[in-house]
Amino acid sequence: MKYIGRAKLNLSEKEVWRLTIREFLNLYQAYKDQFDTELMLRLNRMTFRQAEAESMRQQEWF
């Protein structure tokens, strides 16, 4: 918990120890979701703007 809080979430040690388990898990899940999105975009050689446009184009058929 301490390593992830310091290295991945960029929190101070004091901030990490003040987090409840639920707060920590919520922050870590948000980090993982963002990391997965950025990795997918990098692998597909897309930007956030292109991904948003693609998402809007796919939703137009409704």
PDB file of N, CA and C in Angstrom:
ATOM      1  N   MET A   1       0.828  -1.188   0.000  1.00  0.00           N
ATOM      2  CA  MET A   1       0.000   0.000   0.000  1.00  0.00           C
ATOM      3  C   MET A   1       0.875   1.255   0.000  1.00  0.00           C
ATOM      4  N   LYS A   2       1.922   1.231   0.794  1.00  0.00           N
ATOM      5  CA  LYS A   2       2.792   2.396   0.883  1.00  0.00           C
ATOM      6  C   LYS A   2       3.498   2.657  -0.452  1.00  0.00           C
ATOM      7  N   TYR A   3       4.018   1.585  -1.087  1.00  0.00           N
ATOM      8  CA  TYR A   3       4.717   1.750  -2.364  1.00  0.00           C
ATOM      9  C   TYR A   3       3.785   2.298  -3.439  1.00  0.00           C
ATOM     10  N   ILE A   4       2.615   1.710  -3.570  1.00  0.00           N
ATOM     11  CA  ILE A   4       1.666   2.150  -4.595  1.00  0.00           C
ATOM     12  C   ILE A   4       1.252   3.592  -4.350  1.00  0.00           C
ATOM     13  N   GLY A   5       0.969   3.930  -3.095  1.00  0.00           N
ATOM     14  CA  GLY A   5       0.578   5.299  -2.769  1.00  0.00           C
ATOM     15  C   GLY A   5       1.654   6.311  -3.096  1.00  0.00           C
ATOM     16  N   ARG A   6       2.896   5.951  -2.796  1.00  0.00           N
ATOM     17  CA  ARG A   6       3.997   6.883  -3.044  1.00  0.00           C
ATOM     18  C   ARG A   6       4.391   6.911  -4.514  1.00  0.00           C
ATOM     19  N   ALA A   7       4.593   5.745  -5.117  1.00  0.00           N
ATOM     20  CA  ALA A   7       5.141   5.678  -6.470  1.00  0.00           C
ATOM     21  C   ALA A   7       4.094   5.915  -7.551  1.00  0.00           C
ATOM     22  N   LYS A   8       2.931   5.338  -7.400  1.00  0.00           N
ATOM     23  CA  LYS A   8       1.933   5.404  -8.468  1.00  0.00           C
ATOM     24  C   LYS A   8       0.936   6.544  -8.282  1.00  0.00           C
ATOM     25  N   LEU A   9       0.522   6.799  -7.054  1.00  0.00           N
ATOM     26  CA  LEU A   9      -0.484   7.830  -6.806  1.00  0.00           C
ATOM     27  C   LEU A   9       0.132   9.178  -6.453  1.00  0.00           C
ATOM     28  N   ASN A  10       1.461   9.211  -6.273  1.00  0.00           N
ATOM     29  CA  ASN A  10       2.198  10.443  -5.999  1.00  0.00           C
ATOM     30  C   ASN A  10       1.710  11.139  -4.721  1.00  0.00           C
ATOM     31  N   LEU A  11       1.478  10.349  -3.680  1.00  0.00           N
ATOM     32  CA  LEU A  11       1.075  10.896  -2.388  1.00  0.00           C
ATOM     33  C   LEU A  11       2.263  10.863  -1.438  1.00  0.00           C
ATOM     34  N   SER A  12       2.254  11.742  -0.440  1.00  0.00           N
ATOM     35  CA  SER A  12       3.300  11.687   0.572  1.00  0.00           C
ATOM     36  C   SER A  12       3.024  10.497   1.485  1.00  0.00           C
ATOM     37  N   GLU A  13       4.018  10.106   2.248  1.00  0.00           N
ATOM     38  CA  GLU A  13       3.853   8.966   3.160  1.00  0.00           C
ATOM     39  C   GLU A  13       2.754   9.258   4.184  1.00  0.00           C
ATOM     40  N   LYS A  14       2.708  10.486   4.644  1.00  0.00           N
ATOM     41  CA  LYS A  14       1.685  10.883   5.612  1.00  0.00           C
ATOM     42  C   LYS A  14       0.286  10.766   5.006  1.00  0.00           C
ATOM     43  N   GLU A  15       0.147  11.212   3.756  1.00  0.00           N
ATOM     44  CA  GLU A  15      -1.142  11.114   3.080  1.00  0.00           C
ATOM     45  C   GLU A  15      -1.566   9.662   2.873  1.00  0.00           C
ATOM     46  N   VAL A  16      -0.607   8.811   2.545  1.00  0.00           N
ATOM     47  CA  VAL A  16      -0.918   7.388   2.331  1.00  0.00           C
ATOM     48  C   VAL A  16      -1.458   6.771   3.607  1.00  0.00           C
ATOM     49  N   TRP A  17      -0.820   7.024   4.728  1.00  0.00           N
ATOM     50  CA  TRP A  17      -1.247   6.388   5.976  1.00  0.00           C
ATOM     51  C   TRP A  17      -2.572   6.947   6.494  1.00  0.00           C
ATOM     52  N   ARG A  18      -2.962   8.136   6.042  1.00  0.00           N
ATOM     53  CA  ARG A  18      -4.247   8.703   6.474  1.00  0.00           C
ATOM     54  C   ARG A  18      -5.434   8.202   5.647  1.00  0.00           C
ATOM     55  N   LEU A  19      -5.150   7.550   4.525  1.00  0.00           N
ATOM     56  CA  LEU A  19      -6.226   7.033   3.687  1.00  0.00           C
ATOM     57  C   LEU A  19      -6.888   5.825   4.339  1.00  0.00           C
ATOM     58  N   THR A  20      -8.203   5.734   4.179  1.00  0.00           N
ATOM     59  CA  THR A  20      -8.871   4.502   4.571  1.00  0.00           C
ATOM     60  C   THR A  20      -8.650   3.497   3.438  1.00  0.00           C
ATOM     61  N   ILE A  21      -8.912   2.241   3.714  1.00  0.00           N
ATOM     62  CA  ILE A  21      -8.744   1.214   2.685  1.00  0.00           C
ATOM     63  C   ILE A  21      -9.659   1.514   1.496  1.00  0.00           C
ATOM     64  N   ARG A  22     -10.878   1.918   1.763  1.00  0.00           N
ATOM     65  CA  ARG A  22     -11.820   2.223   0.680  1.00  0.00           C
ATOM     66  C   ARG A  22     -11.313   3.379  -0.173  1.00  0.00           C
ATOM     67  N   GLU A  23     -10.823   4.451   0.457  1.00  0.00           N
ATOM     68  CA  GLU A  23     -10.295   5.592  -0.296  1.00  0.00           C
ATOM     69  C   GLU A  23      -9.102   5.160  -1.146  1.00  0.00           C
ATOM     70  N   PHE A  24      -8.209   4.361  -0.550  1.00  0.00           N
ATOM     71  CA  PHE A  24      -7.040   3.878  -1.275  1.00  0.00           C
ATOM     72  C   PHE A  24      -7.462   3.047  -2.481  1.00  0.00           C
ATOM     73  N   LEU A  25      -8.389   2.118  -2.285  1.00  0.00           N
ATOM     74  CA  LEU A  25      -8.829   1.256  -3.378  1.00  0.00           C
ATOM     75  C   LEU A  25      -9.510   2.059  -4.481  1.00  0.00           C
ATOM     76  N   ASN A  26     -10.280   3.066  -4.122  1.00  0.00           N
ATOM     77  CA  ASN A  26     -10.918   3.921  -5.127  1.00  0.00           C
ATOM     78  C   ASN A  26      -9.884   4.699  -5.939  1.00  0.00           C
ATOM     79  N   LEU A  27      -8.891   5.265  -5.262  1.00  0.00           N
ATOM     80  CA  LEU A  27      -7.831   5.988  -5.964  1.00  0.00           C
ATOM     81  C   LEU A  27      -7.029   5.060  -6.866  1.00  0.00           C
ATOM     82  N   TYR A  28      -6.721   3.877  -6.358  1.00  0.00           N
ATOM     83  CA  TYR A  28      -5.924   2.927  -7.139  1.00  0.00           C
ATOM     84  C   TYR A  28      -6.712   2.427  -8.350  1.00  0.00           C
ATOM     85  N   GLN A  29      -8.013   2.202  -8.209  1.00  0.00           N
ATOM     86  CA  GLN A  29      -8.831   1.769  -9.341  1.00  0.00           C
ATOM     87  C   GLN A  29      -8.885   2.860 -10.408  1.00  0.00           C
ATOM     88  N   ALA A  30      -9.019   4.113  -9.992  1.00  0.00           N
ATOM     89  CA  ALA A  30      -9.011   5.223 -10.944  1.00  0.00           C
ATOM     90  C   ALA A  30      -7.670   5.297 -11.675  1.00  0.00           C
ATOM     91  N   TYR A  31      -6.571   5.072 -10.941  1.00  0.00           N
ATOM     92  CA  TYR A  31      -5.239   5.058 -11.555  1.00  0.00           C
ATOM     93  C   TYR A  31      -5.146   3.937 -12.589  1.00  0.00           C
ATOM     94  N   LYS A  32      -5.609   2.742 -12.243  1.00  0.00           N
ATOM     95  CA  LYS A  32      -5.529   1.603 -13.162  1.00  0.00           C
ATOM     96  C   LYS A  32      -6.376   1.849 -14.410  1.00  0.00           C
ATOM     97  N   ASP A  33      -7.561   2.425 -14.238  1.00  0.00           N
ATOM     98  CA  ASP A  33      -8.417   2.725 -15.388  1.00  0.00           C
ATOM     99  C   ASP A  33      -7.739   3.716 -16.322  1.00  0.00           C
ATOM    100  N   GLN A  34      -7.145   4.761 -15.758  1.00  0.00           N
ATOM    101  CA  GLN A  34      -6.450   5.767 -16.563  1.00  0.00           C
ATOM    102  C   GLN A  34      -5.246   5.164 -17.265  1.00  0.00           C
ATOM    103  N   PHE A  35      -4.487   4.323 -16.571  1.00  0.00           N
ATOM    104  CA  PHE A  35      -3.323   3.677 -17.159  1.00  0.00           C
ATOM    105  C   PHE A  35      -3.743   2.794 -18.329  1.00  0.00           C
ATOM    106  N   ASP A  36      -4.811   2.012 -18.149  1.00  0.00           N
ATOM    107  CA  ASP A  36      -5.296   1.140 -19.221  1.00  0.00           C
ATOM    108  C   ASP A  36      -5.731   1.947 -20.439  1.00  0.00           C
ATOM    109  N   THR A  37      -6.410   3.058 -20.211  1.00  0.00           N
ATOM    110  CA  THR A  37      -6.849   3.914 -21.313  1.00  0.00           C
ATOM    111  C   THR A  37      -5.656   4.474 -22.063  1.00  0.00           C
ATOM    112  N   GLU A  38      -4.676   4.988 -21.339  1.00  0.00           N
ATOM    113  CA  GLU A  38      -3.500   5.561 -21.981  1.00  0.00           C
ATOM    114  C   GLU A  38      -2.707   4.498 -22.734  1.00  0.00           C
ATOM    115  N   LEU A  39      -2.604   3.293 -22.183  1.00  0.00           N
ATOM    116  CA  LEU A  39      -1.887   2.214 -22.850  1.00  0.00           C
ATOM    117  C   LEU A  39      -2.604   1.813 -24.135  1.00  0.00           C
ATOM    118  N   MET A  40      -3.927   1.699 -24.084  1.00  0.00           N
ATOM    119  CA  MET A  40      -4.705   1.352 -25.265  1.00  0.00           C
ATOM    120  C   MET A  40      -4.531   2.411 -26.355  1.00  0.00           C
ATOM    121  N   LEU A  41      -4.562   3.668 -25.966  1.00  0.00           N
ATOM    122  CA  LEU A  41      -4.373   4.740 -26.943  1.00  0.00           C
ATOM    123  C   LEU A  41      -2.972   4.699 -27.545  1.00  0.00           C
ATOM    124  N   ARG A  42      -1.978   4.449 -26.714  1.00  0.00           N
ATOM    125  CA  ARG A  42      -0.601   4.394 -27.199  1.00  0.00           C
ATOM    126  C   ARG A  42      -0.419   3.236 -28.179  1.00  0.00           C
ATOM    127  N   LEU A  43      -0.991   2.067 -27.854  1.00  0.00           N
ATOM    128  CA  LEU A  43      -0.855   0.905 -28.729  1.00  0.00           C
ATOM    129  C   LEU A  43      -1.585   1.099 -30.055  1.00  0.00           C
ATOM    130  N   ASN A  44      -2.696   1.823 -30.031  1.00  0.00           N
ATOM    131  CA  ASN A  44      -3.461   2.093 -31.253  1.00  0.00           C
ATOM    132  C   ASN A  44      -3.015   3.367 -31.950  1.00  0.00           C
ATOM    133  N   ARG A  45      -2.022   4.024 -31.390  1.00  0.00           N
ATOM    134  CA  ARG A  45      -1.490   5.281 -31.923  1.00  0.00           C
ATOM    135  C   ARG A  45      -2.592   6.306 -32.142  1.00  0.00           C
ATOM    136  N   MET A  46      -3.350   6.516 -31.058  1.00  0.00           N
ATOM    137  CA  MET A  46      -4.453   7.480 -31.082  1.00  0.00           C
ATOM    138  C   MET A  46      -4.231   8.515 -29.987  1.00  0.00           C
ATOM    139  N   THR A  47      -4.897   9.652 -30.141  1.00  0.00           N
ATOM    140  CA  THR A  47      -4.913  10.658 -29.090  1.00  0.00           C
ATOM    141  C   THR A  47      -6.265  10.588 -28.390  1.00  0.00           C
ATOM    142  N   PHE A  48      -6.393  11.289 -27.275  1.00  0.00           N
ATOM    143  CA  PHE A  48      -7.671  11.335 -26.576  1.00  0.00           C
ATOM    144  C   PHE A  48      -8.751  11.931 -27.482  1.00  0.00           C
ATOM    145  N   ARG A  49      -8.380  12.939 -28.254  1.00  0.00           N
ATOM    146  CA  ARG A  49      -9.342  13.583 -29.151  1.00  0.00           C
ATOM    147  C   ARG A  49      -9.835  12.600 -30.214  1.00  0.00           C
ATOM    148  N   GLN A  50      -8.923  11.816 -30.781  1.00  0.00           N
ATOM    149  CA  GLN A  50      -9.312  10.825 -31.786  1.00  0.00           C
ATOM    150  C   GLN A  50     -10.192   9.742 -31.164  1.00  0.00           C
ATOM    151  N   ALA A  51      -9.863   9.315 -29.960  1.00  0.00           N
ATOM    152  CA  ALA A  51     -10.661   8.293 -29.280  1.00  0.00           C
ATOM    153  C   ALA A  51     -12.060   8.803 -28.975  1.00  0.00           C
ATOM    154  N   GLU A  52     -12.161  10.062 -28.582  1.00  0.00           N
ATOM    155  CA  GLU A  52     -13.464  10.653 -28.305  1.00  0.00           C
ATOM    156  C   GLU A  52     -14.291  10.746 -29.593  1.00  0.00           C
ATOM    157  N   ALA A  53     -13.663  11.142 -30.683  1.00  0.00           N
ATOM    158  CA  ALA A  53     -14.369  11.230 -31.962  1.00  0.00           C
ATOM    159  C   ALA A  53     -14.842   9.844 -32.406  1.00  0.00           C
ATOM    160  N   GLU A  54     -14.012   8.843 -32.239  1.00  0.00           N
ATOM    161  CA  GLU A  54     -14.386   7.464 -32.586  1.00  0.00           C
ATOM    162  C   GLU A  54     -15.557   6.995 -31.731  1.00  0.00           C
ATOM    163  N   SER A  55     -15.529   7.322 -30.462  1.00  0.00           N
ATOM    164  CA  SER A  55     -16.610   6.944 -29.557  1.00  0.00           C
ATOM    165  C   SER A  55     -17.918   7.616 -29.977  1.00  0.00           C
ATOM    166  N   MET A  56     -17.861   8.885 -30.335  1.00  0.00           N
ATOM    167  CA  MET A  56     -19.054   9.609 -30.774  1.00  0.00           C
ATOM    168  C   MET A  56     -19.577   9.021 -32.086  1.00  0.00           C
ATOM    169  N   ARG A  57     -18.684   8.653 -32.980  1.00  0.00           N
ATOM    170  CA  ARG A  57     -19.075   8.081 -34.270  1.00  0.00           C
ATOM    171  C   ARG A  57     -19.785   6.735 -34.049  1.00  0.00           C
ATOM    172  N   GLN A  58     -19.297   5.939 -33.104  1.00  0.00           N
ATOM    173  CA  GLN A  58     -19.921   4.643 -32.831  1.00  0.00           C
ATOM    174  C   GLN A  58     -21.286   4.795 -32.180  1.00  0.00           C
ATOM    175  N   GLN A  59     -21.501   5.877 -31.455  1.00  0.00           N
ATOM    176  CA  GLN A  59     -22.784   6.102 -30.773  1.00  0.00           C
ATOM    177  C   GLN A  59     -23.827   6.717 -31.689  1.00  0.00           C
ATOM    178  N   GLU A  60     -23.452   7.183 -32.864  1.00  0.00           N
ATOM    179  CA  GLU A  60     -24.389   7.859 -33.755  1.00  0.00           C
ATOM    180  C   GLU A  60     -25.454   6.944 -34.304  1.00  0.00           C
ATOM    181  N   TRP A  61     -25.222   5.664 -34.357  1.00  0.00           N
ATOM    182  CA  TRP A  61     -26.204   4.755 -34.960  1.00  0.00           C
ATOM    183  C   TRP A  61     -27.453   4.591 -34.107  1.00  0.00           C
ATOM    184  N   PHE A  62     -27.424   5.053 -32.880  1.00  0.00           N
ATOM    185  CA  PHE A  62     -28.629   4.940 -32.030  1.00  0.00           C
ATOM    186  C   PHE A  62     -29.642   5.858 -32.522  1.00  0.00           C
TER     187      PHE A  62
END
